[in-house]
C-alpha cells in the first residue's frame, strides 16, 4: 500500500463505496427474489414499480450495466403480465 495520504484516503473511500454498493445490490436481489415468490397477482403488480425503481437506481449508480437493468425489468414485467 502506498504511503501517500491521498492514496490512503482513496482506499478508505473505495472500501466505503464497495460496502454501500454491495448493500444496494444485495437488497435489490432480495427484493427481486421476494417479488418472484409472491403468488397473488395483485400484490405482484403493486410491488413491481418499487422493484423496478430499485433496479433503475442500481443502473444509475453504475452498480449494474444499463442493459442488465433493462433485461431484469423486462423479465419481471413479463412474469407479472403473464399471471395478470
N, C-alpha and C. Protein backbone atom coordinates (compact mmCIF):
# COMPACT_ATOMS: atom_id res chain seq x y z
N UNK A 1 0.85 -1.18 0.00
CA UNK A 1 0.00 0.00 0.00
C UNK A 1 0.90 1.25 0.00
N UNK A 2 0.45 2.25 -0.74
CA UNK A 2 1.24 3.47 -0.84
C UNK A 2 1.18 4.26 0.46
N UNK A 3 2.17 5.12 0.63
CA UNK A 3 2.26 5.91 1.86
C UNK A 3 1.70 7.32 1.71
N UNK A 4 1.23 7.67 0.53
CA UNK A 4 0.67 9.00 0.33
C UNK A 4 -0.68 9.09 1.03
N UNK A 5 -0.91 10.22 1.66
CA UNK A 5 -2.16 10.38 2.40
C UNK A 5 -3.36 10.36 1.45
N UNK A 6 -3.21 10.89 0.26
CA UNK A 6 -4.32 10.89 -0.70
C UNK A 6 -4.66 9.47 -1.13
N UNK A 7 -3.66 8.62 -1.28
CA UNK A 7 -3.91 7.24 -1.67
C UNK A 7 -4.58 6.48 -0.53
N UNK A 8 -4.19 6.77 0.69
CA UNK A 8 -4.83 6.13 1.83
C UNK A 8 -6.30 6.54 1.91
N UNK A 9 -6.54 7.82 1.69
CA UNK A 9 -7.92 8.31 1.71
C UNK A 9 -8.73 7.65 0.59
N UNK A 10 -8.15 7.54 -0.60
CA UNK A 10 -8.84 6.92 -1.72
C UNK A 10 -9.18 5.46 -1.40
N UNK A 11 -8.29 4.77 -0.72
CA UNK A 11 -8.54 3.38 -0.33
C UNK A 11 -9.71 3.30 0.65
N UNK A 12 -9.75 4.22 1.60
CA UNK A 12 -10.87 4.25 2.56
C UNK A 12 -12.19 4.53 1.84
N UNK A 13 -12.16 5.49 0.92
CA UNK A 13 -13.38 5.85 0.19
C UNK A 13 -13.86 4.68 -0.68
N UNK A 14 -12.92 3.99 -1.31
CA UNK A 14 -13.27 2.86 -2.16
C UNK A 14 -13.92 1.75 -1.34
N UNK A 15 -13.40 1.51 -0.14
CA UNK A 15 -13.97 0.48 0.73
C UNK A 15 -15.39 0.85 1.14
N UNK A 16 -15.60 2.13 1.46
CA UNK A 16 -16.94 2.60 1.84
C UNK A 16 -17.91 2.44 0.68
N UNK A 17 -17.47 2.85 -0.51
CA UNK A 17 -18.34 2.73 -1.69
C UNK A 17 -18.65 1.27 -2.00
N UNK A 18 -17.64 0.41 -1.88
CA UNK A 18 -17.82 -1.01 -2.17
C UNK A 18 -18.87 -1.62 -1.23
N UNK A 19 -18.77 -1.28 0.05
CA UNK A 19 -19.74 -1.80 1.02
C UNK A 19 -21.15 -1.29 0.71
N UNK A 20 -21.23 0.00 0.38
CA UNK A 20 -22.54 0.58 0.06
C UNK A 20 -23.13 -0.06 -1.18
N UNK A 21 -22.31 -0.24 -2.22
CA UNK A 21 -22.79 -0.84 -3.46
C UNK A 21 -23.21 -2.29 -3.24
N UNK A 22 -22.46 -3.02 -2.42
CA UNK A 22 -22.83 -4.40 -2.12
C UNK A 22 -24.18 -4.44 -1.41
N UNK A 23 -24.40 -3.50 -0.50
CA UNK A 23 -25.67 -3.43 0.22
C UNK A 23 -26.82 -3.16 -0.75
N UNK A 24 -26.66 -2.16 -1.62
CA UNK A 24 -27.72 -1.84 -2.58
C UNK A 24 -28.00 -3.03 -3.49
N UNK A 25 -26.94 -3.67 -3.97
CA UNK A 25 -27.12 -4.81 -4.88
C UNK A 25 -27.81 -5.97 -4.21
N UNK A 26 -27.40 -6.29 -3.00
CA UNK A 26 -28.00 -7.42 -2.28
C UNK A 26 -29.44 -7.13 -1.93
N UNK A 27 -29.74 -5.91 -1.51
CA UNK A 27 -31.10 -5.54 -1.17
C UNK A 27 -32.01 -5.65 -2.40
N UNK A 28 -31.52 -5.23 -3.53
CA UNK A 28 -32.31 -5.31 -4.76
C UNK A 28 -32.52 -6.76 -5.18
N UNK A 29 -31.46 -7.58 -5.09
CA UNK A 29 -31.62 -9.00 -5.42
C UNK A 29 -32.64 -9.68 -4.52
N UNK A 30 -32.63 -9.32 -3.24
CA UNK A 30 -33.62 -9.88 -2.31
C UNK A 30 -35.03 -9.43 -2.69
N UNK A 31 -35.18 -8.18 -3.10
CA UNK A 31 -36.49 -7.67 -3.49
C UNK A 31 -36.99 -8.39 -4.74
N UNK A 32 -36.09 -8.66 -5.68
CA UNK A 32 -36.47 -9.39 -6.90
C UNK A 32 -36.91 -10.80 -6.53
N UNK A 33 -36.14 -11.45 -5.65
CA UNK A 33 -36.49 -12.80 -5.22
C UNK A 33 -37.85 -12.82 -4.53
N UNK A 34 -38.09 -11.85 -3.65
CA UNK A 34 -39.37 -11.77 -2.94
C UNK A 34 -40.52 -11.54 -3.91
N UNK A 35 -40.30 -10.70 -4.92
CA UNK A 35 -41.34 -10.44 -5.92
C UNK A 35 -41.69 -11.71 -6.67
N UNK A 36 -40.68 -12.51 -7.02
CA UNK A 36 -40.92 -13.75 -7.75
C UNK A 36 -41.67 -14.77 -6.91
N UNK A 37 -41.50 -14.72 -5.59
CA UNK A 37 -42.14 -15.69 -4.71
C UNK A 37 -43.59 -15.35 -4.39
N UNK A 38 -44.00 -14.13 -4.65
CA UNK A 38 -45.39 -13.72 -4.36
C UNK A 38 -46.33 -14.47 -5.30
N UNK A 39 -47.35 -15.08 -4.73
CA UNK A 39 -48.31 -15.85 -5.53
C UNK A 39 -49.49 -14.99 -6.01
N UNK A 40 -49.86 -14.00 -5.22
CA UNK A 40 -51.00 -13.16 -5.56
C UNK A 40 -50.63 -12.17 -6.67
N UNK A 41 -51.39 -12.22 -7.78
CA UNK A 41 -51.07 -11.36 -8.93
C UNK A 41 -51.20 -9.88 -8.59
N UNK A 42 -52.21 -9.54 -7.79
CA UNK A 42 -52.43 -8.14 -7.45
C UNK A 42 -51.27 -7.60 -6.61
N UNK A 43 -50.82 -8.41 -5.66
CA UNK A 43 -49.70 -8.00 -4.82
C UNK A 43 -48.42 -7.87 -5.65
N UNK A 44 -48.25 -8.78 -6.62
CA UNK A 44 -47.08 -8.69 -7.51
C UNK A 44 -47.10 -7.39 -8.30
N UNK A 45 -48.27 -7.06 -8.84
CA UNK A 45 -48.39 -5.85 -9.65
C UNK A 45 -48.14 -4.60 -8.81
N UNK A 46 -48.52 -4.64 -7.53
CA UNK A 46 -48.29 -3.49 -6.66
C UNK A 46 -46.82 -3.34 -6.30
N UNK A 47 -46.10 -4.45 -6.16
CA UNK A 47 -44.70 -4.41 -5.74
C UNK A 47 -43.76 -4.15 -6.92
N UNK A 48 -44.19 -4.43 -8.14
CA UNK A 48 -43.34 -4.30 -9.32
C UNK A 48 -42.72 -2.90 -9.47
N UNK A 49 -43.48 -1.81 -9.37
CA UNK A 49 -42.86 -0.48 -9.55
C UNK A 49 -41.74 -0.19 -8.55
N UNK A 50 -41.88 -0.68 -7.33
CA UNK A 50 -40.85 -0.47 -6.32
C UNK A 50 -39.56 -1.17 -6.72
N UNK A 51 -39.70 -2.42 -7.17
CA UNK A 51 -38.52 -3.20 -7.56
C UNK A 51 -37.88 -2.61 -8.81
N UNK A 52 -38.69 -2.18 -9.76
CA UNK A 52 -38.17 -1.56 -10.98
C UNK A 52 -37.39 -0.29 -10.64
N UNK A 53 -37.90 0.47 -9.69
CA UNK A 53 -37.21 1.68 -9.25
C UNK A 53 -35.85 1.34 -8.64
N UNK A 54 -35.80 0.29 -7.85
CA UNK A 54 -34.54 -0.13 -7.25
C UNK A 54 -33.53 -0.54 -8.32
N UNK A 55 -34.01 -1.25 -9.34
CA UNK A 55 -33.13 -1.68 -10.44
C UNK A 55 -32.61 -0.47 -11.20
N UNK A 56 -33.49 0.50 -11.46
CA UNK A 56 -33.07 1.72 -12.15
C UNK A 56 -31.99 2.47 -11.37
N UNK A 57 -32.13 2.50 -10.06
CA UNK A 57 -31.15 3.20 -9.23
C UNK A 57 -29.79 2.49 -9.30
N UNK A 58 -29.80 1.15 -9.34
CA UNK A 58 -28.54 0.42 -9.47
C UNK A 58 -27.85 0.78 -10.78
N UNK A 59 -28.62 0.86 -11.85
CA UNK A 59 -28.05 1.19 -13.15
C UNK A 59 -27.53 2.63 -13.15
N UNK A 60 -28.28 3.53 -12.53
CA UNK A 60 -27.87 4.93 -12.49
C UNK A 60 -26.56 5.10 -11.72
N UNK A 61 -26.40 4.34 -10.66
CA UNK A 61 -25.19 4.42 -9.84
C UNK A 61 -24.02 3.68 -10.46
N UNK A 62 -24.28 2.89 -11.50
CA UNK A 62 -23.21 2.16 -12.15
C UNK A 62 -22.88 0.84 -11.49
N UNK A 63 -23.76 0.37 -10.62
CA UNK A 63 -23.53 -0.90 -9.93
C UNK A 63 -23.79 -2.06 -10.89
N UNK A 64 -24.82 -1.91 -11.73
CA UNK A 64 -25.07 -2.88 -12.79
C UNK A 64 -25.14 -2.13 -14.11
N UNK A 65 -24.95 -2.85 -15.20
CA UNK A 65 -24.99 -2.24 -16.53
C UNK A 65 -26.44 -1.90 -16.90
N UNK A 66 -26.63 -0.87 -17.71
CA UNK A 66 -27.99 -0.44 -18.06
C UNK A 66 -28.74 -1.52 -18.84
N UNK A 67 -28.02 -2.31 -19.65
CA UNK A 67 -28.71 -3.38 -20.38
C UNK A 67 -29.15 -4.50 -19.45
N UNK A 68 -28.34 -4.79 -18.43
CA UNK A 68 -28.74 -5.79 -17.44
C UNK A 68 -29.98 -5.31 -16.70
N UNK A 69 -30.03 -4.02 -16.39
CA UNK A 69 -31.21 -3.47 -15.73
C UNK A 69 -32.44 -3.62 -16.63
N UNK A 70 -32.27 -3.33 -17.90
CA UNK A 70 -33.38 -3.45 -18.84
C UNK A 70 -33.85 -4.89 -18.94
N UNK A 71 -32.90 -5.82 -18.98
CA UNK A 71 -33.27 -7.24 -19.05
C UNK A 71 -34.00 -7.70 -17.80
N UNK A 72 -33.54 -7.28 -16.64
CA UNK A 72 -34.20 -7.66 -15.39
C UNK A 72 -35.63 -7.11 -15.35
N UNK A 73 -35.79 -5.84 -15.73
CA UNK A 73 -37.11 -5.22 -15.70
C UNK A 73 -38.04 -5.90 -16.69
N UNK A 74 -37.52 -6.25 -17.85
CA UNK A 74 -38.32 -6.92 -18.86
C UNK A 74 -38.80 -8.29 -18.38
N UNK A 75 -37.89 -9.05 -17.80
CA UNK A 75 -38.25 -10.38 -17.29
C UNK A 75 -39.31 -10.29 -16.20
N UNK A 76 -39.15 -9.33 -15.30
CA UNK A 76 -40.11 -9.19 -14.22
C UNK A 76 -41.48 -8.73 -14.75
N UNK A 77 -41.48 -7.79 -15.69
CA UNK A 77 -42.73 -7.31 -16.26
C UNK A 77 -43.45 -8.42 -16.99
N UNK A 78 -42.68 -9.24 -17.71
CA UNK A 78 -43.28 -10.36 -18.43
C UNK A 78 -43.87 -11.38 -17.46
N UNK A 79 -43.16 -11.62 -16.38
CA UNK A 79 -43.61 -12.58 -15.37
C UNK A 79 -44.90 -12.11 -14.72
N UNK A 80 -45.00 -10.82 -14.42
CA UNK A 80 -46.20 -10.28 -13.78
C UNK A 80 -47.36 -10.22 -14.77
N UNK A 81 -47.07 -9.88 -16.03
CA UNK A 81 -48.12 -9.75 -17.04
C UNK A 81 -48.72 -11.09 -17.40
N UNK A 82 -47.94 -12.14 -17.40
CA UNK A 82 -48.45 -13.46 -17.75
C UNK A 82 -49.49 -13.92 -16.74
N UNK A 83 -49.22 -13.66 -15.47
CA UNK A 83 -50.14 -14.09 -14.42
C UNK A 83 -51.35 -13.17 -14.32
N UNK A 84 -51.19 -11.94 -14.74
CA UNK A 84 -52.30 -10.97 -14.58
C UNK A 84 -53.36 -11.17 -15.63
